[in-house]
C-alpha atoms as a PDB file:
ATOM      1  CA  MET A   1       0.000   0.000   0.000  1.00  0.00           C
ATOM      2  CA  ASN A   2       1.229   3.477  -0.799  1.00  0.00           C
ATOM      3  CA  THR A   3       0.618   6.113   1.815  1.00  0.00           C
ATOM      4  CA  LYS A   4       1.592   9.716   2.391  1.00  0.00           C
ATOM      5  CA  ARG A   5       4.412   8.412   4.562  1.00  0.00           C
ATOM      6  CA  ASP A   6       5.695   6.167   1.750  1.00  0.00           C
ATOM      7  CA  MET A   7       5.649   9.131  -0.634  1.00  0.00           C
ATOM      8  CA  ALA A   8       7.572  11.278   1.841  1.00  0.00           C
ATOM      9  CA  GLU A   9      10.196   8.556   2.291  1.00  0.00           C
ATOM     10  CA  ARG A  10      10.731   8.250  -1.483  1.00  0.00           C
ATOM     11  CA  ILE A  11      10.974  12.042  -1.853  1.00  0.00           C
ATOM     12  CA  ALA A  12      13.461  12.260   1.019  1.00  0.00           C
ATOM     13  CA  GLU A  13      15.628   9.590  -0.585  1.00  0.00           C
ATOM     14  CA  ARG A  14      15.515  11.171  -4.056  1.00  0.00           C
ATOM     15  CA  CYS A  15      16.116  14.734  -2.870  1.00  0.00           C
ATOM     16  CA  GLY A  16      18.626  14.016  -0.124  1.00  0.00           C
ATOM     17  CA  ILE A  17      16.528  15.653   2.587  1.00  0.00           C
ATOM     18  CA  THR A  18      15.272  14.377   5.918  1.00  0.00           C
ATOM     19  CA  GLY A  19      12.054  12.421   6.219  1.00  0.00           C
ATOM     20  CA  ILE A  20      10.591  15.171   8.376  1.00  0.00           C
ATOM     21  CA  GLU A  21      11.291  17.801   5.698  1.00  0.00           C
ATOM     22  CA  ALA A  22       9.831  15.576   2.990  1.00  0.00           C
ATOM     23  CA  LYS A  23       6.731  14.844   5.063  1.00  0.00           C
ATOM     24  CA  ALA A  24       6.225  18.586   5.568  1.00  0.00           C
ATOM     25  CA  MET A  25       6.604  19.183   1.812  1.00  0.00           C
ATOM     26  CA  VAL A  26       4.004  16.529   1.010  1.00  0.00           C
ATOM     27  CA  GLN A  27       1.600  17.888   3.633  1.00  0.00           C
ATOM     28  CA  HIS A  28       2.023  21.502   2.450  1.00  0.00           C
ATOM     29  CA  THR A  29       1.379  20.389  -1.131  1.00  0.00           C
ATOM     30  CA  LEU A  30      -1.804  18.553  -0.163  1.00  0.00           C
ATOM     31  CA  ASP A  31      -2.962  21.472   1.996  1.00  0.00           C
ATOM     32  CA  GLU A  32      -2.471  23.885  -0.900  1.00  0.00           C
ATOM     33  CA  MET A  33      -4.296  21.561  -3.307  1.00  0.00           C
ATOM     34  CA  LEU A  34      -7.241  21.392  -0.915  1.00  0.00           C
ATOM     35  CA  ARG A  35      -7.271  25.173  -0.371  1.00  0.00           C
ATOM     36  CA  THR A  36      -7.235  25.817  -4.124  1.00  0.00           C
ATOM     37  CA  LEU A  37     -10.002  23.306  -4.757  1.00  0.00           C
ATOM     38  CA  VAL A  38     -12.218  24.741  -2.008  1.00  0.00           C
ATOM     39  CA  GLU A  39     -11.658  28.352  -3.104  1.00  0.00           C
ATOM     40  CA  ASN A  40     -11.803  27.868  -6.882  1.00  0.00           C
ATOM     41  CA  GLY A  41     -13.688  24.611  -7.357  1.00  0.00           C
ATOM     42  CA  ARG A  42     -11.037  23.450  -9.814  1.00  0.00           C
ATOM     43  CA  LEU A  43      -7.382  22.470  -9.746  1.00  0.00           C
ATOM     44  CA  GLU A  44      -5.499  21.745 -12.947  1.00  0.00           C
ATOM     45  CA  LEU A  45      -2.107  20.062 -12.819  1.00  0.00           C
ATOM     46  CA  ARG A  46      -0.781  19.932 -16.379  1.00  0.00           C
ATOM     47  CA  ASN A  47      -0.190  16.407 -17.693  1.00  0.00           C
ATOM     48  CA  PHE A  48      -1.346  14.944 -14.364  1.00  0.00           C
ATOM     49  CA  GLY A  49      -5.033  15.784 -14.334  1.00  0.00           C
ATOM     50  CA  ILE A  50      -7.881  18.046 -13.337  1.00  0.00           C
ATOM     51  CA  PHE A  51      -9.718  17.956 -10.022  1.00  0.00           C
ATOM     52  CA  GLN A  52     -13.192  19.505 -10.384  1.00  0.00           C
ATOM     53  CA  MET A  53     -15.656  20.070  -7.556  1.00  0.00           C
ATOM     54  CA  SER A  54     -19.316  19.526  -8.367  1.00  0.00           C
ATOM     55  CA  VAL A  55     -22.584  18.975  -6.541  1.00  0.00           C
ATOM     56  CA  SER A  56     -24.331  15.605  -6.728  1.00  0.00           C
ATOM     57  CA  ALA A  57     -28.088  15.641  -7.121  1.00  0.00           C
ATOM     58  CA  PRO A  58     -30.281  14.410  -4.282  1.00  0.00           C
ATOM     59  CA  ARG A  59     -31.442  10.851  -4.919  1.00  0.00           C
ATOM     60  CA  LYS A  60     -33.478   7.996  -3.543  1.00  0.00           C
ATOM     61  CA  ALA A  61     -31.563   5.077  -2.056  1.00  0.00           C
ATOM     62  CA  ARG A  62     -32.434   1.929  -0.154  1.00  0.00           C
ATOM     63  CA  ASN A  63     -31.246   0.960   3.300  1.00  0.00           C
ATOM     64  CA  PRO A  64     -29.889  -2.579   2.725  1.00  0.00           C
ATOM     65  CA  ARG A  65     -30.724  -3.693   6.278  1.00  0.00           C
ATOM     66  CA  THR A  66     -34.330  -2.585   6.397  1.00  0.00           C
ATOM     67  CA  GLY A  67     -35.204  -2.208   2.722  1.00  0.00           C
ATOM     68  CA  GLU A  68     -36.552   1.249   3.577  1.00  0.00           C
ATOM     69  CA  THR A  69     -36.299   3.941   0.892  1.00  0.00           C
ATOM     70  CA  VAL A  70     -34.403   6.997   2.080  1.00  0.00           C
ATOM     71  CA  MET A  71     -33.482  10.304   0.481  1.00  0.00           C
ATOM     72  CA  VAL A  72     -29.774  11.003   0.120  1.00  0.00           C
ATOM     73  CA  PRO A  73     -29.219  14.775   0.096  1.00  0.00           C
ATOM     74  CA  SER A  74     -27.068  16.536  -2.466  1.00  0.00           C
ATOM     75  CA  ARG A  75     -23.424  16.927  -1.532  1.00  0.00           C
ATOM     76  CA  ARG A  76     -20.167  18.247  -2.872  1.00  0.00           C
ATOM     77  CA  VAL A  77     -18.007  15.704  -4.667  1.00  0.00           C
ATOM     78  CA  VAL A  78     -14.657  15.908  -6.428  1.00  0.00           C
ATOM     79  CA  LYS A  79     -14.268  14.466  -9.910  1.00  0.00           C
ATOM     80  CA  PHE A  80     -10.892  13.715 -11.458  1.00  0.00           C
ATOM     81  CA  LYS A  81      -9.976  13.632 -15.133  1.00  0.00           C
ATOM     82  CA  MET A  82      -6.593  12.200 -16.079  1.00  0.00           C
ATOM     83  CA  GLY A  83      -4.103  14.342 -17.901  1.00  0.00           C
ATOM     84  CA  LYS A  84      -2.199  13.253 -20.997  1.00  0.00           C
ATOM     85  CA  ALA A  85       0.949  11.984 -19.242  1.00  0.00           C
ATOM     86  CA  MET A  86      -1.076   9.992 -16.709  1.00  0.00           C
ATOM     87  CA  ALA A  87      -3.299   8.527 -19.410  1.00  0.00           C
ATOM     88  CA  GLU A  88      -0.234   7.420 -21.361  1.00  0.00           C
ATOM     89  CA  ALA A  89       1.365   5.895 -18.246  1.00  0.00           C
ATOM     90  CA  MET A  90      -1.867   4.078 -17.421  1.00  0.00           C
ATOM     91  CA  ALA A  91      -2.292   2.788 -20.991  1.00  0.00           C
ATOM     92  CA  GLY A  92       0.414   0.197 -20.374  1.00  0.00           C
ATOM     93  CA  GLN A  93      -1.487  -0.982 -17.304  1.00  0.00           C
ATOM     94  CA  ASP A  94      -4.649  -1.767 -19.299  1.00  0.00           C
ATOM     95  CA  ALA A  95      -3.240  -5.016 -20.641  1.00  0.00           C
ATOM     96  CA  ALA A  96      -2.612  -6.293 -17.114  1.00  0.00           C
ATOM     97  CA  CYS A  97      -6.101  -5.365 -15.835  1.00  0.00           C
ATOM     98  CA  PRO A  98      -8.900  -7.821 -16.628  1.00  0.00           C
ATOM     99  CA  THR A  99     -12.175  -6.186 -17.642  1.00  0.00           C
END
């Protein structure tokens, strides 16, 4: 499993910095991404992808335990669209993934 900690360790090794510095860099990056998305509703990282905030429509759902129909209210969701470089990197993975 890859976690924020794993990412920080790889960055520290590549950049020759301490794990604490790398962890702070990762956290600051994620904090800034979140701030930008909340303020602007959109974050575009060229060749990586686009994060877009949208609002889901309210819908009817069913409680699996009771079978009761319930209304699920609308909520904010984040959609992601791959950028060109990510799509190309993932294209090689398609052959290994059964459909």
